[in-house]
Amino acid sequence: MALVIDQIDHIVLNCAETEVTAAWFQRVLGMAREDFSPGPGDTNRIALKFGNQKINLRPTFADKQAWIAAKETSHGAADVCFVTKASLRDVIAHLEACDVPIELGPVERLGAMGPMRSVYCRDPDGDLIEIASYSPA
């Protein structure tokens, strides 16, 4: 039997300052903050929840013994695409209201579910954030 993956449960973003990054994702992308402990004796961590997924925020210089991590843990190296049902006009207006500069867009792209339109910006760590809509306009 071949292994088949159904979905992504969570990703981990490395952050220079987890509090700053969490506040940005809450304010700009409307994600819900969740403080949690992965197990007894572990230090508290921050996650951002949206839909059926979440993003765990990992301090760039966290102790690798305390938090299993990728081989390289630099912040600002991620490139993530989020899908919204909002029109890109509304996305652009919201980013402008939040004083978030738009790097590129709107542009046509091909996503996992077909053609989409995207706008790109950056989070406080410099990660490239793509906000895409499969809806027209």
N, C-alpha and C. Protein backbone atom coordinates (compact mmCIF):
# COMPACT_ATOMS: atom_id res chain seq x y z
N MET A 1 0.84 -1.18 0.00
CA MET A 1 0.00 0.00 0.00
C MET A 1 0.89 1.25 0.00
N ALA A 2 0.57 2.19 -0.84
CA ALA A 2 1.31 3.44 -0.92
C ALA A 2 0.79 4.44 0.12
N LEU A 3 1.68 5.21 0.68
CA LEU A 3 1.30 6.26 1.62
C LEU A 3 0.66 7.40 0.85
N VAL A 4 -0.48 7.89 1.34
CA VAL A 4 -1.16 9.03 0.73
C VAL A 4 -1.38 10.08 1.81
N ILE A 5 -0.93 11.30 1.55
CA ILE A 5 -1.11 12.41 2.50
C ILE A 5 -2.41 13.13 2.16
N ASP A 6 -3.20 13.44 3.20
CA ASP A 6 -4.49 14.09 3.00
C ASP A 6 -4.43 15.61 3.07
N GLN A 7 -3.66 16.15 4.00
CA GLN A 7 -3.66 17.60 4.20
C GLN A 7 -2.48 18.00 5.07
N ILE A 8 -2.26 19.29 5.19
CA ILE A 8 -1.25 19.82 6.11
C ILE A 8 -1.96 20.15 7.42
N ASP A 9 -1.41 19.67 8.52
CA ASP A 9 -1.97 19.97 9.84
C ASP A 9 -1.43 21.30 10.36
N HIS A 10 -0.11 21.44 10.33
CA HIS A 10 0.50 22.69 10.78
C HIS A 10 1.87 22.84 10.12
N ILE A 11 2.33 24.07 10.14
CA ILE A 11 3.70 24.37 9.73
C ILE A 11 4.35 25.13 10.89
N VAL A 12 5.66 25.24 10.84
CA VAL A 12 6.38 25.99 11.86
C VAL A 12 7.13 27.13 11.17
N LEU A 13 6.93 28.33 11.67
CA LEU A 13 7.68 29.49 11.18
C LEU A 13 8.70 29.88 12.24
N ASN A 14 9.93 30.08 11.82
CA ASN A 14 10.96 30.59 12.71
C ASN A 14 10.82 32.11 12.77
N CYS A 15 10.89 32.66 13.97
CA CYS A 15 10.65 34.09 14.18
C CYS A 15 11.74 34.71 15.04
N ALA A 16 12.10 35.93 14.72
CA ALA A 16 13.03 36.67 15.56
C ALA A 16 12.35 36.99 16.89
N GLU A 17 11.09 37.42 16.82
CA GLU A 17 10.31 37.77 18.02
C GLU A 17 8.92 37.18 17.87
N THR A 18 8.64 36.10 18.56
CA THR A 18 7.36 35.40 18.39
C THR A 18 6.17 36.29 18.73
N GLU A 19 6.29 37.15 19.72
CA GLU A 19 5.17 38.03 20.10
C GLU A 19 4.84 39.01 18.96
N VAL A 20 5.87 39.57 18.34
CA VAL A 20 5.67 40.51 17.23
C VAL A 20 5.03 39.79 16.04
N THR A 21 5.55 38.62 15.72
CA THR A 21 5.00 37.85 14.60
C THR A 21 3.57 37.43 14.88
N ALA A 22 3.28 36.97 16.08
CA ALA A 22 1.92 36.56 16.43
C ALA A 22 0.95 37.73 16.29
N ALA A 23 1.35 38.88 16.79
CA ALA A 23 0.48 40.06 16.71
C ALA A 23 0.21 40.45 15.26
N TRP A 24 1.21 40.34 14.39
CA TRP A 24 1.04 40.68 12.97
C TRP A 24 0.04 39.73 12.31
N PHE A 25 0.20 38.42 12.51
CA PHE A 25 -0.71 37.45 11.89
C PHE A 25 -2.13 37.61 12.43
N GLN A 26 -2.28 37.99 13.69
CA GLN A 26 -3.60 38.24 14.24
C GLN A 26 -4.22 39.48 13.60
N ARG A 27 -3.46 40.56 13.55
CA ARG A 27 -3.98 41.84 13.04
C ARG A 27 -4.19 41.82 11.54
N VAL A 28 -3.21 41.30 10.80
CA VAL A 28 -3.26 41.40 9.34
C VAL A 28 -4.05 40.25 8.71
N LEU A 29 -3.88 39.03 9.21
CA LEU A 29 -4.54 37.89 8.57
C LEU A 29 -5.69 37.30 9.39
N GLY A 30 -6.00 37.91 10.53
CA GLY A 30 -7.16 37.49 11.31
C GLY A 30 -7.04 36.13 11.96
N MET A 31 -5.83 35.67 12.19
CA MET A 31 -5.65 34.35 12.81
C MET A 31 -5.84 34.44 14.32
N ALA A 32 -6.24 33.33 14.93
CA ALA A 32 -6.47 33.27 16.37
C ALA A 32 -5.22 32.73 17.06
N ARG A 33 -4.81 33.41 18.10
CA ARG A 33 -3.64 32.99 18.86
C ARG A 33 -4.02 31.86 19.82
N GLU A 34 -3.12 30.89 19.95
CA GLU A 34 -3.29 29.81 20.91
C GLU A 34 -1.96 29.61 21.63
N ASP A 35 -1.96 29.77 22.93
CA ASP A 35 -0.78 29.47 23.74
C ASP A 35 -0.92 28.03 24.20
N PHE A 36 0.14 27.23 24.07
CA PHE A 36 0.04 25.82 24.41
C PHE A 36 1.37 25.29 24.91
N SER A 37 1.32 24.14 25.54
CA SER A 37 2.51 23.42 25.96
C SER A 37 2.44 22.04 25.32
N PRO A 38 3.47 21.64 24.58
CA PRO A 38 3.42 20.35 23.88
C PRO A 38 3.45 19.15 24.81
N GLY A 39 3.90 19.34 26.03
CA GLY A 39 3.95 18.22 26.96
C GLY A 39 4.35 18.67 28.35
N PRO A 40 4.24 17.79 29.32
CA PRO A 40 4.62 18.13 30.69
C PRO A 40 6.07 18.60 30.76
N GLY A 41 6.28 19.71 31.44
CA GLY A 41 7.62 20.23 31.61
C GLY A 41 8.14 21.08 30.46
N ASP A 42 7.41 21.11 29.34
CA ASP A 42 7.84 21.93 28.20
C ASP A 42 7.45 23.38 28.42
N THR A 43 8.20 24.30 27.80
CA THR A 43 7.86 25.71 27.90
C THR A 43 6.67 26.02 27.00
N ASN A 44 5.93 27.06 27.36
CA ASN A 44 4.78 27.45 26.55
C ASN A 44 5.22 27.91 25.17
N ARG A 45 4.35 27.66 24.21
CA ARG A 45 4.61 28.04 22.83
C ARG A 45 3.41 28.79 22.28
N ILE A 46 3.58 29.42 21.13
CA ILE A 46 2.51 30.19 20.49
C ILE A 46 2.17 29.54 19.16
N ALA A 47 0.88 29.40 18.91
CA ALA A 47 0.40 28.94 17.61
C ALA A 47 -0.64 29.93 17.11
N LEU A 48 -0.83 29.95 15.81
CA LEU A 48 -1.85 30.77 15.17
C LEU A 48 -2.78 29.83 14.42
N LYS A 49 -4.07 29.89 14.75
CA LYS A 49 -5.04 28.95 14.16
C LYS A 49 -5.90 29.66 13.12
N PHE A 50 -6.20 28.91 12.06
CA PHE A 50 -7.11 29.39 11.01
C PHE A 50 -7.66 28.15 10.32
N GLY A 51 -8.96 28.14 10.02
CA GLY A 51 -9.55 26.95 9.40
C GLY A 51 -9.24 25.72 10.24
N ASN A 52 -8.79 24.67 9.59
CA ASN A 52 -8.40 23.43 10.28
C ASN A 52 -6.89 23.30 10.39
N GLN A 53 -6.17 24.40 10.29
CA GLN A 53 -4.71 24.39 10.31
C GLN A 53 -4.19 25.32 11.40
N LYS A 54 -2.89 25.21 11.62
CA LYS A 54 -2.25 26.18 12.51
C LYS A 54 -0.79 26.35 12.12
N ILE A 55 -0.25 27.46 12.58
CA ILE A 55 1.17 27.77 12.42
C ILE A 55 1.76 27.85 13.82
N ASN A 56 2.77 27.05 14.08
CA ASN A 56 3.50 27.16 15.34
C ASN A 56 4.64 28.16 15.13
N LEU A 57 4.82 29.05 16.08
CA LEU A 57 5.88 30.04 16.00
C LEU A 57 7.05 29.59 16.87
N ARG A 58 8.20 29.46 16.25
CA ARG A 58 9.40 28.99 16.93
C ARG A 58 10.43 30.10 16.96
N PRO A 59 10.92 30.45 18.15
CA PRO A 59 11.99 31.44 18.20
C PRO A 59 13.20 30.94 17.42
N THR A 60 13.77 31.78 16.58
CA THR A 60 14.89 31.39 15.72
C THR A 60 16.02 30.74 16.51
N PHE A 61 16.29 31.26 17.68
CA PHE A 61 17.43 30.75 18.44
C PHE A 61 17.00 29.86 19.60
N ALA A 62 15.85 29.19 19.46
CA ALA A 62 15.38 28.28 20.51
C ALA A 62 16.35 27.10 20.66
N ASP A 63 16.39 26.57 21.83
CA ASP A 63 17.23 25.42 22.14
C ASP A 63 16.77 24.22 21.31
N LYS A 64 17.62 23.72 20.43
CA LYS A 64 17.24 22.60 19.57
C LYS A 64 17.02 21.31 20.35
N GLN A 65 17.52 21.24 21.58
CA GLN A 65 17.24 20.08 22.42
C GLN A 65 15.81 20.13 22.93
N ALA A 66 15.30 21.34 23.15
CA ALA A 66 13.96 21.52 23.70
C ALA A 66 12.89 21.50 22.61
N TRP A 67 13.28 21.79 21.37
CA TRP A 67 12.30 21.89 20.28
C TRP A 67 12.93 21.30 19.03
N ILE A 68 12.49 20.14 18.63
CA ILE A 68 13.03 19.54 17.40
C ILE A 68 12.74 20.49 16.24
N ALA A 69 13.71 20.68 15.39
CA ALA A 69 13.58 21.70 14.36
C ALA A 69 14.28 21.26 13.07
N ALA A 70 14.02 22.03 12.03
CA ALA A 70 14.72 21.83 10.77
C ALA A 70 16.22 22.02 10.99
N LYS A 71 17.01 21.52 10.07
CA LYS A 71 18.46 21.64 10.19
C LYS A 71 18.89 23.10 10.26
N GLU A 72 18.31 23.94 9.43
CA GLU A 72 18.58 25.38 9.45
C GLU A 72 17.34 26.08 9.99
N THR A 73 17.52 27.00 10.92
CA THR A 73 16.38 27.64 11.57
C THR A 73 16.41 29.17 11.45
N SER A 74 16.72 29.67 10.29
CA SER A 74 16.74 31.12 10.11
C SER A 74 15.32 31.64 9.90
N HIS A 75 15.08 32.84 10.37
CA HIS A 75 13.78 33.46 10.12
C HIS A 75 13.84 34.21 8.79
N GLY A 76 12.67 34.43 8.20
CA GLY A 76 12.59 35.15 6.93
C GLY A 76 12.82 34.29 5.71
N ALA A 77 12.86 32.97 5.86
CA ALA A 77 13.13 32.07 4.73
C ALA A 77 11.88 31.37 4.20
N ALA A 78 10.73 31.61 4.82
CA ALA A 78 9.51 30.91 4.41
C ALA A 78 8.80 31.65 3.27
N ASP A 79 8.03 30.89 2.51
CA ASP A 79 7.21 31.41 1.42
C ASP A 79 5.90 30.64 1.50
N VAL A 80 4.84 31.30 1.99
CA VAL A 80 3.59 30.62 2.30
C VAL A 80 2.44 31.29 1.56
N CYS A 81 1.53 30.47 1.03
CA CYS A 81 0.35 30.99 0.35
C CYS A 81 -0.89 30.67 1.17
N PHE A 82 -1.68 31.70 1.47
CA PHE A 82 -2.95 31.55 2.18
C PHE A 82 -4.08 31.86 1.22
N VAL A 83 -5.17 31.12 1.32
CA VAL A 83 -6.33 31.32 0.44
C VAL A 83 -7.43 32.03 1.22
N THR A 84 -8.05 33.01 0.58
CA THR A 84 -9.17 33.73 1.16
C THR A 84 -10.35 33.70 0.21
N LYS A 85 -11.54 33.86 0.76
CA LYS A 85 -12.74 33.99 -0.07
C LYS A 85 -13.02 35.45 -0.39
N ALA A 86 -12.28 36.35 0.25
CA ALA A 86 -12.44 37.78 0.00
C ALA A 86 -11.92 38.14 -1.39
N SER A 87 -12.46 39.20 -1.93
CA SER A 87 -11.94 39.68 -3.22
C SER A 87 -10.56 40.29 -3.00
N LEU A 88 -9.75 40.28 -4.06
CA LEU A 88 -8.42 40.88 -3.91
C LEU A 88 -8.52 42.38 -3.70
N ARG A 89 -9.58 43.00 -4.20
CA ARG A 89 -9.80 44.42 -3.91
C ARG A 89 -9.87 44.64 -2.39
N ASP A 90 -10.65 43.76 -1.72
CA ASP A 90 -10.78 43.86 -0.27
C ASP A 90 -9.47 43.54 0.43
N VAL A 91 -8.73 42.56 -0.09
CA VAL A 91 -7.43 42.19 0.50
C VAL A 91 -6.48 43.38 0.41
N ILE A 92 -6.40 44.00 -0.75
CA ILE A 92 -5.51 45.15 -0.95
C ILE A 92 -5.90 46.29 -0.02
N ALA A 93 -7.20 46.59 0.08
CA ALA A 93 -7.67 47.66 0.97
C ALA A 93 -7.30 47.35 2.42
N HIS A 94 -7.45 46.09 2.81
CA HIS A 94 -7.12 45.70 4.19
C HIS A 94 -5.62 45.83 4.45
N LEU A 95 -4.79 45.36 3.53
CA LEU A 95 -3.34 45.49 3.70
C LEU A 95 -2.93 46.96 3.80
N GLU A 96 -3.52 47.78 2.96
CA GLU A 96 -3.22 49.21 3.01
C GLU A 96 -3.64 49.81 4.35
N ALA A 97 -4.82 49.43 4.86
CA ALA A 97 -5.30 49.92 6.15
C ALA A 97 -4.39 49.47 7.30
N CYS A 98 -3.74 48.33 7.13
CA CYS A 98 -2.82 47.80 8.14
C CYS A 98 -1.39 48.29 7.93
N ASP A 99 -1.18 49.18 6.94
CA ASP A 99 0.15 49.70 6.61
C ASP A 99 1.13 48.59 6.25
N VAL A 100 0.63 47.58 5.53
CA VAL A 100 1.47 46.48 5.06
C VAL A 100 1.75 46.70 3.57
N PRO A 101 3.00 46.96 3.19
CA PRO A 101 3.31 47.18 1.78
C PRO A 101 3.07 45.93 0.93
N ILE A 102 2.54 46.14 -0.24
CA ILE A 102 2.32 45.04 -1.19
C ILE A 102 3.58 44.90 -2.03
N GLU A 103 4.15 43.71 -2.04
CA GLU A 103 5.37 43.44 -2.81
C GLU A 103 5.05 43.24 -4.29
N LEU A 104 3.92 42.56 -4.58
CA LEU A 104 3.56 42.22 -5.95
C LEU A 104 2.08 41.91 -5.99
N GLY A 105 1.46 42.28 -7.09
CA GLY A 105 0.09 41.86 -7.31
C GLY A 105 -0.89 43.01 -7.41
N PRO A 106 -2.07 42.63 -7.83
CA PRO A 106 -2.55 41.26 -8.05
C PRO A 106 -1.97 40.66 -9.33
N VAL A 107 -1.67 39.35 -9.25
CA VAL A 107 -1.14 38.62 -10.38
C VAL A 107 -1.85 37.27 -10.50
N GLU A 108 -1.86 36.73 -11.71
CA GLU A 108 -2.45 35.41 -11.96
C GLU A 108 -1.44 34.34 -11.55
N ARG A 109 -1.90 33.32 -10.87
CA ARG A 109 -1.06 32.19 -10.47
C ARG A 109 -1.83 30.89 -10.66
N LEU A 110 -1.13 29.80 -10.57
CA LEU A 110 -1.77 28.49 -10.62
C LEU A 110 -1.57 27.82 -9.27
N GLY A 111 -2.66 27.65 -8.53
CA GLY A 111 -2.59 27.07 -7.21
C GLY A 111 -2.95 25.59 -7.23
N ALA A 112 -3.07 25.02 -6.06
CA ALA A 112 -3.38 23.60 -5.92
C ALA A 112 -4.75 23.23 -6.49
N MET A 113 -5.67 24.22 -6.51
CA MET A 113 -7.02 23.95 -7.01
C MET A 113 -7.30 24.62 -8.35
N GLY A 114 -6.25 25.12 -9.01
CA GLY A 114 -6.43 25.73 -10.32
C GLY A 114 -6.00 27.19 -10.34
N PRO A 115 -6.47 27.94 -11.35
CA PRO A 115 -6.10 29.35 -11.48
C PRO A 115 -6.59 30.18 -10.29
N MET A 116 -5.75 31.11 -9.88
CA MET A 116 -6.10 32.02 -8.79
C MET A 116 -5.40 33.35 -9.02
N ARG A 117 -5.81 34.34 -8.26
CA ARG A 117 -5.16 35.66 -8.30
C ARG A 117 -4.55 35.90 -6.93
N SER A 118 -3.35 36.49 -6.92
CA SER A 118 -2.60 36.62 -5.67
C SER A 118 -2.04 38.02 -5.46
N VAL A 119 -1.84 38.33 -4.20
CA VAL A 119 -1.16 39.54 -3.75
C VAL A 119 -0.08 39.06 -2.77
N TYR A 120 1.10 39.67 -2.85
CA TYR A 120 2.22 39.27 -1.99
C TYR A 120 2.61 40.41 -1.05
N CYS A 121 2.95 40.03 0.19
CA CYS A 121 3.49 40.98 1.16
C CYS A 121 4.50 40.22 2.02
N ARG A 122 5.02 40.86 3.04
CA ARG A 122 5.99 40.20 3.93
C ARG A 122 5.57 40.37 5.38
N ASP A 123 5.84 39.33 6.17
CA ASP A 123 5.57 39.41 7.61
C ASP A 123 6.75 40.13 8.28
N PRO A 124 6.69 40.35 9.61
CA PRO A 124 7.77 41.10 10.27
C PRO A 124 9.15 40.45 10.16
N ASP A 125 9.21 39.14 9.90
CA ASP A 125 10.50 38.45 9.78
C ASP A 125 11.02 38.44 8.35
N GLY A 126 10.23 38.95 7.41
CA GLY A 126 10.63 38.97 6.01
C GLY A 126 10.15 37.77 5.21
N ASP A 127 9.37 36.87 5.84
CA ASP A 127 8.80 35.74 5.10
C ASP A 127 7.86 36.27 4.02
N LEU A 128 7.86 35.63 2.86
CA LEU A 128 6.98 36.03 1.78
C LEU A 128 5.60 35.43 2.03
N ILE A 129 4.60 36.29 2.11
CA ILE A 129 3.23 35.88 2.37
C ILE A 129 2.40 36.16 1.11
N GLU A 130 1.84 35.11 0.55
CA GLU A 130 0.97 35.22 -0.62
C GLU A 130 -0.47 35.05 -0.13
N ILE A 131 -1.32 35.99 -0.51
CA ILE A 131 -2.75 35.89 -0.20
C ILE A 131 -3.47 35.73 -1.52
N ALA A 132 -4.14 34.59 -1.69
CA ALA A 132 -4.73 34.24 -2.98
C ALA A 132 -6.24 34.06 -2.87
N SER A 133 -6.90 34.30 -4.00
CA SER A 133 -8.33 34.10 -4.08
C SER A 133 -8.65 33.33 -5.36
N TYR A 134 -9.47 32.31 -5.22
CA TYR A 134 -9.93 31.57 -6.39
C TYR A 134 -11.19 32.21 -6.96
N SER A 135 -11.73 33.20 -6.24
CA SER A 135 -12.93 33.91 -6.70
C SER A 135 -12.55 34.97 -7.70
N PRO A 136 -13.45 35.31 -8.62
CA PRO A 136 -13.17 36.40 -9.56
C PRO A 136 -13.13 37.74 -8.83
N ALA A 137 -12.43 38.70 -9.41
CA ALA A 137 -12.32 40.09 -8.94
C ALA A 137 -11.24 40.32 -7.96
